[in-house]
Amino acid sequence: MTTPSPKILVWNAHGLNSRAKRCAVFQVVSNAGASIICLQESKLQVVIACIVTKCLGVILASNAAVVSLSNPHISDHTSTARVTTVDGCWWLTEAYGPHRVANKDAFL
């Protein structure tokens, strides 16, 4: 019997500083049953310890009961982590580029 592949949820949250928005995002993430979430534009000032990486508002987090994230690498526009499941391991990179024209050259 094989283990189902982890579910990954990717979402541009457009800011999570509002309590109501955080609650709404939490409900969607919970209902989706995602084992890994990648959120862009979180705009959070404080991030709890269970979240592995945060750069420029990019958050990469996991359900530790299903997968493990380790070896984080953070650059200006990406966060990468090693994903380990019962079936093996692989790497996940989340990239987020700036939308302002003045910042795009550095990204490209």
N, C-alpha and C. Protein backbone atom coordinates (compact mmCIF):
# COMPACT_ATOMS: atom_id res chain seq x y z
N MET A 1 0.84 -1.19 0.00
CA MET A 1 0.00 0.00 0.00
C MET A 1 0.88 1.24 0.00
N THR A 2 0.62 2.16 -0.89
CA THR A 2 1.41 3.37 -0.96
C THR A 2 0.76 4.50 -0.17
N THR A 3 1.59 5.37 0.32
CA THR A 3 1.12 6.54 1.05
C THR A 3 0.73 7.61 0.06
N PRO A 4 -0.40 8.30 0.26
CA PRO A 4 -0.77 9.37 -0.67
C PRO A 4 0.27 10.50 -0.66
N SER A 5 0.43 11.12 -1.81
CA SER A 5 1.37 12.24 -1.91
C SER A 5 0.90 13.40 -1.05
N PRO A 6 1.85 14.17 -0.51
CA PRO A 6 1.45 15.34 0.29
C PRO A 6 0.70 16.35 -0.58
N LYS A 7 -0.30 16.98 0.01
CA LYS A 7 -1.03 18.05 -0.67
C LYS A 7 -0.32 19.37 -0.40
N ILE A 8 -0.10 20.15 -1.47
CA ILE A 8 0.56 21.45 -1.34
C ILE A 8 -0.44 22.53 -1.73
N LEU A 9 -0.59 23.51 -0.86
CA LEU A 9 -1.47 24.65 -1.12
C LEU A 9 -0.60 25.88 -1.32
N VAL A 10 -0.75 26.55 -2.47
CA VAL A 10 -0.01 27.78 -2.77
C VAL A 10 -1.03 28.90 -2.91
N TRP A 11 -0.76 30.03 -2.20
CA TRP A 11 -1.76 31.09 -2.17
C TRP A 11 -1.08 32.44 -2.01
N ASN A 12 -1.47 33.41 -2.83
CA ASN A 12 -1.03 34.79 -2.64
C ASN A 12 -2.06 35.43 -1.72
N ALA A 13 -1.70 35.60 -0.47
CA ALA A 13 -2.64 36.02 0.57
C ALA A 13 -2.92 37.52 0.58
N HIS A 14 -2.09 38.31 -0.06
CA HIS A 14 -2.26 39.77 -0.10
C HIS A 14 -2.40 40.38 1.29
N GLY A 15 -1.63 39.89 2.23
CA GLY A 15 -1.61 40.47 3.58
C GLY A 15 -2.45 39.68 4.57
N LEU A 16 -1.84 39.37 5.72
CA LEU A 16 -2.52 38.60 6.76
C LEU A 16 -2.53 39.33 8.10
N ASN A 17 -2.35 40.63 8.08
CA ASN A 17 -2.33 41.37 9.34
C ASN A 17 -3.71 41.54 9.96
N SER A 18 -4.76 41.41 9.18
CA SER A 18 -6.13 41.48 9.69
C SER A 18 -6.50 40.14 10.34
N ARG A 19 -7.01 40.19 11.56
CA ARG A 19 -7.42 38.96 12.26
C ARG A 19 -8.47 38.20 11.45
N ALA A 20 -9.42 38.91 10.89
CA ALA A 20 -10.48 38.27 10.10
C ALA A 20 -9.89 37.53 8.90
N LYS A 21 -8.92 38.14 8.24
CA LYS A 21 -8.31 37.50 7.07
C LYS A 21 -7.50 36.27 7.50
N ARG A 22 -6.76 36.38 8.61
CA ARG A 22 -6.01 35.22 9.11
C ARG A 22 -6.96 34.06 9.42
N CYS A 23 -8.09 34.37 10.03
CA CYS A 23 -9.08 33.32 10.36
C CYS A 23 -9.63 32.69 9.09
N ALA A 24 -9.92 33.50 8.08
CA ALA A 24 -10.44 32.98 6.81
C ALA A 24 -9.41 32.09 6.12
N VAL A 25 -8.15 32.54 6.10
CA VAL A 25 -7.08 31.74 5.48
C VAL A 25 -6.91 30.43 6.26
N PHE A 26 -6.94 30.50 7.58
CA PHE A 26 -6.81 29.31 8.41
C PHE A 26 -7.91 28.30 8.07
N GLN A 27 -9.14 28.77 7.91
CA GLN A 27 -10.25 27.88 7.58
C GLN A 27 -10.03 27.20 6.22
N VAL A 28 -9.60 27.97 5.23
CA VAL A 28 -9.36 27.40 3.90
C VAL A 28 -8.24 26.37 3.96
N VAL A 29 -7.15 26.72 4.63
CA VAL A 29 -6.01 25.80 4.74
C VAL A 29 -6.45 24.53 5.47
N SER A 30 -7.18 24.67 6.57
CA SER A 30 -7.65 23.51 7.34
C SER A 30 -8.56 22.63 6.50
N ASN A 31 -9.50 23.23 5.80
CA ASN A 31 -10.45 22.47 4.99
C ASN A 31 -9.78 21.79 3.79
N ALA A 32 -8.71 22.37 3.29
CA ALA A 32 -8.00 21.80 2.14
C ALA A 32 -7.22 20.55 2.53
N GLY A 33 -6.89 20.41 3.80
CA GLY A 33 -6.11 19.26 4.24
C GLY A 33 -4.70 19.25 3.71
N ALA A 34 -4.16 20.43 3.47
CA ALA A 34 -2.80 20.54 2.92
C ALA A 34 -1.76 20.12 3.95
N SER A 35 -0.74 19.42 3.50
CA SER A 35 0.36 19.08 4.39
C SER A 35 1.49 20.09 4.27
N ILE A 36 1.51 20.86 3.19
CA ILE A 36 2.49 21.94 3.00
C ILE A 36 1.74 23.16 2.49
N ILE A 37 2.03 24.32 3.07
CA ILE A 37 1.43 25.55 2.56
C ILE A 37 2.53 26.53 2.17
N CYS A 38 2.32 27.20 1.07
CA CYS A 38 3.21 28.25 0.58
C CYS A 38 2.36 29.50 0.43
N LEU A 39 2.63 30.49 1.26
CA LEU A 39 1.88 31.74 1.21
C LEU A 39 2.78 32.87 0.76
N GLN A 40 2.33 33.64 -0.22
CA GLN A 40 3.05 34.82 -0.65
C GLN A 40 2.33 36.06 -0.13
N GLU A 41 3.08 37.14 0.01
CA GLU A 41 2.57 38.43 0.46
C GLU A 41 1.83 38.33 1.79
N SER A 42 2.43 37.62 2.75
CA SER A 42 1.79 37.52 4.07
C SER A 42 1.79 38.87 4.78
N LYS A 43 2.85 39.64 4.57
CA LYS A 43 3.02 40.96 5.19
C LYS A 43 2.94 40.91 6.71
N LEU A 44 3.22 39.74 7.28
CA LEU A 44 3.21 39.60 8.73
C LEU A 44 4.52 40.09 9.33
N GLN A 45 4.44 40.75 10.45
CA GLN A 45 5.63 41.22 11.14
C GLN A 45 6.18 40.13 12.06
N VAL A 46 5.31 39.31 12.64
CA VAL A 46 5.71 38.25 13.55
C VAL A 46 5.18 36.93 13.00
N VAL A 47 6.05 35.92 12.98
CA VAL A 47 5.67 34.61 12.49
C VAL A 47 6.00 33.59 13.57
N ILE A 48 5.06 32.69 13.87
CA ILE A 48 5.27 31.73 14.95
C ILE A 48 6.35 30.72 14.59
N ALA A 49 6.89 30.06 15.60
CA ALA A 49 8.05 29.18 15.44
C ALA A 49 7.82 27.99 14.52
N CYS A 50 6.60 27.53 14.35
CA CYS A 50 6.37 26.34 13.52
C CYS A 50 6.59 26.63 12.04
N ILE A 51 6.67 27.88 11.68
CA ILE A 51 6.88 28.23 10.28
C ILE A 51 8.38 28.21 10.00
N VAL A 52 8.76 27.48 8.98
CA VAL A 52 10.17 27.24 8.72
C VAL A 52 10.87 28.45 8.13
N THR A 53 10.30 29.06 7.13
CA THR A 53 10.99 30.18 6.50
C THR A 53 10.05 31.34 6.24
N LYS A 54 10.63 32.52 6.23
CA LYS A 54 9.85 33.72 5.90
C LYS A 54 10.82 34.72 5.28
N CYS A 55 10.57 35.10 4.05
CA CYS A 55 11.39 36.12 3.42
C CYS A 55 10.49 36.96 2.53
N LEU A 56 10.56 38.25 2.68
CA LEU A 56 9.75 39.16 1.87
C LEU A 56 8.27 38.78 1.87
N GLY A 57 7.77 38.32 3.01
CA GLY A 57 6.37 37.96 3.10
C GLY A 57 6.04 36.59 2.56
N VAL A 58 7.04 35.79 2.24
CA VAL A 58 6.82 34.43 1.75
C VAL A 58 6.92 33.48 2.94
N ILE A 59 5.92 32.63 3.10
CA ILE A 59 5.90 31.68 4.21
C ILE A 59 5.82 30.27 3.65
N LEU A 60 6.65 29.38 4.18
CA LEU A 60 6.63 27.97 3.84
C LEU A 60 6.45 27.21 5.14
N ALA A 61 5.37 26.45 5.27
CA ALA A 61 5.07 25.75 6.52
C ALA A 61 4.53 24.36 6.20
N SER A 62 4.54 23.50 7.23
CA SER A 62 4.06 22.14 6.99
C SER A 62 3.31 21.59 8.19
N ASN A 63 2.55 20.54 7.94
CA ASN A 63 1.92 19.75 8.98
C ASN A 63 2.95 18.71 9.40
N ALA A 64 3.55 18.88 10.57
CA ALA A 64 4.64 18.02 11.01
C ALA A 64 4.22 16.56 11.18
N ALA A 65 2.94 16.29 11.30
CA ALA A 65 2.48 14.91 11.41
C ALA A 65 2.56 14.17 10.08
N VAL A 66 2.66 14.91 8.98
CA VAL A 66 2.66 14.31 7.64
C VAL A 66 4.02 14.43 6.96
N VAL A 67 4.62 15.61 7.02
CA VAL A 67 5.91 15.86 6.38
C VAL A 67 6.81 16.64 7.32
N SER A 68 8.09 16.60 7.02
CA SER A 68 9.07 17.37 7.77
C SER A 68 9.79 18.30 6.80
N LEU A 69 9.94 19.57 7.18
CA LEU A 69 10.72 20.52 6.39
C LEU A 69 12.04 20.77 7.13
N SER A 70 13.14 20.72 6.39
CA SER A 70 14.45 20.94 7.01
C SER A 70 15.38 21.62 6.02
N ASN A 71 16.58 21.92 6.46
CA ASN A 71 17.62 22.53 5.63
C ASN A 71 17.11 23.75 4.87
N PRO A 72 16.48 24.70 5.55
CA PRO A 72 15.94 25.86 4.83
C PRO A 72 17.04 26.72 4.22
N HIS A 73 16.77 27.24 3.04
CA HIS A 73 17.67 28.19 2.39
C HIS A 73 16.80 29.36 1.93
N ILE A 74 17.17 30.55 2.35
CA ILE A 74 16.39 31.74 2.03
C ILE A 74 17.23 32.69 1.20
N SER A 75 16.68 33.13 0.08
CA SER A 75 17.34 34.16 -0.72
C SER A 75 16.40 35.36 -0.78
N ASP A 76 16.74 36.35 -1.58
CA ASP A 76 15.91 37.55 -1.66
C ASP A 76 14.49 37.27 -2.14
N HIS A 77 14.33 36.28 -3.01
CA HIS A 77 13.01 36.04 -3.59
C HIS A 77 12.55 34.58 -3.53
N THR A 78 13.27 33.74 -2.81
CA THR A 78 12.89 32.33 -2.73
C THR A 78 13.09 31.79 -1.32
N SER A 79 12.36 30.75 -1.02
CA SER A 79 12.65 29.95 0.16
C SER A 79 12.60 28.50 -0.29
N THR A 80 13.59 27.74 0.12
CA THR A 80 13.74 26.34 -0.26
C THR A 80 13.87 25.51 1.00
N ALA A 81 13.28 24.34 1.00
CA ALA A 81 13.42 23.43 2.13
C ALA A 81 13.39 21.99 1.63
N ARG A 82 14.04 21.12 2.37
CA ARG A 82 14.00 19.70 2.07
C ARG A 82 12.72 19.13 2.70
N VAL A 83 11.93 18.44 1.91
CA VAL A 83 10.69 17.84 2.37
C VAL A 83 10.93 16.35 2.57
N THR A 84 10.61 15.85 3.75
CA THR A 84 10.78 14.44 4.04
C THR A 84 9.43 13.83 4.40
N THR A 85 9.09 12.74 3.72
CA THR A 85 7.86 11.99 4.01
C THR A 85 8.26 10.55 4.30
N VAL A 86 7.29 9.71 4.60
CA VAL A 86 7.61 8.30 4.85
C VAL A 86 8.12 7.62 3.59
N ASP A 87 7.82 8.18 2.42
CA ASP A 87 8.24 7.58 1.15
C ASP A 87 9.57 8.11 0.62
N GLY A 88 10.16 9.10 1.26
CA GLY A 88 11.42 9.64 0.79
C GLY A 88 11.51 11.13 1.00
N CYS A 89 12.47 11.74 0.30
CA CYS A 89 12.64 13.18 0.46
C CYS A 89 12.88 13.84 -0.89
N TRP A 90 12.59 15.14 -0.94
CA TRP A 90 12.74 15.95 -2.14
C TRP A 90 12.84 17.40 -1.71
N TRP A 91 13.15 18.27 -2.64
CA TRP A 91 13.32 19.69 -2.34
C TRP A 91 12.15 20.48 -2.91
N LEU A 92 11.74 21.50 -2.18
CA LEU A 92 10.67 22.39 -2.61
C LEU A 92 11.18 23.82 -2.57
N THR A 93 11.00 24.55 -3.66
CA THR A 93 11.37 25.96 -3.71
C THR A 93 10.14 26.78 -4.03
N GLU A 94 9.92 27.79 -3.23
CA GLU A 94 8.83 28.74 -3.44
C GLU A 94 9.47 30.05 -3.87
N ALA A 95 9.08 30.56 -5.01
CA ALA A 95 9.64 31.81 -5.53
C ALA A 95 8.55 32.87 -5.62
N TYR A 96 8.95 34.09 -5.34
CA TYR A 96 8.01 35.20 -5.45
C TYR A 96 8.75 36.40 -5.99
N GLY A 97 8.33 36.89 -7.15
CA GLY A 97 8.98 38.04 -7.78
C GLY A 97 8.24 39.32 -7.50
N PRO A 98 8.96 40.41 -7.46
CA PRO A 98 8.33 41.71 -7.20
C PRO A 98 7.46 42.15 -8.37
N HIS A 99 6.40 42.89 -8.07
CA HIS A 99 5.53 43.37 -9.14
C HIS A 99 5.88 44.80 -9.57
N ARG A 100 6.66 45.50 -8.79
CA ARG A 100 7.07 46.86 -9.16
C ARG A 100 8.17 46.80 -10.21
N VAL A 101 8.02 47.58 -11.25
CA VAL A 101 8.97 47.59 -12.37
C VAL A 101 10.39 47.87 -11.89
N ALA A 102 10.54 48.79 -10.96
CA ALA A 102 11.87 49.17 -10.47
C ALA A 102 12.60 48.00 -9.80
N ASN A 103 11.87 47.02 -9.28
CA ASN A 103 12.49 45.90 -8.57
C ASN A 103 12.66 44.65 -9.44
N LYS A 104 12.09 44.65 -10.63
CA LYS A 104 12.10 43.44 -11.45
C LYS A 104 13.48 43.08 -12.00
N ASP A 105 14.30 44.06 -12.34
CA ASP A 105 15.62 43.76 -12.90
C ASP A 105 16.46 42.93 -11.94
N ALA A 106 16.43 43.25 -10.67
CA ALA A 106 17.20 42.50 -9.67
C ALA A 106 16.68 41.07 -9.55
N PHE A 107 15.39 40.88 -9.73
CA PHE A 107 14.79 39.55 -9.65
C PHE A 107 15.15 38.70 -10.85
N LEU A 108 15.08 39.30 -12.05
CA LEU A 108 15.35 38.56 -13.27
C LEU A 108 16.82 38.31 -13.43
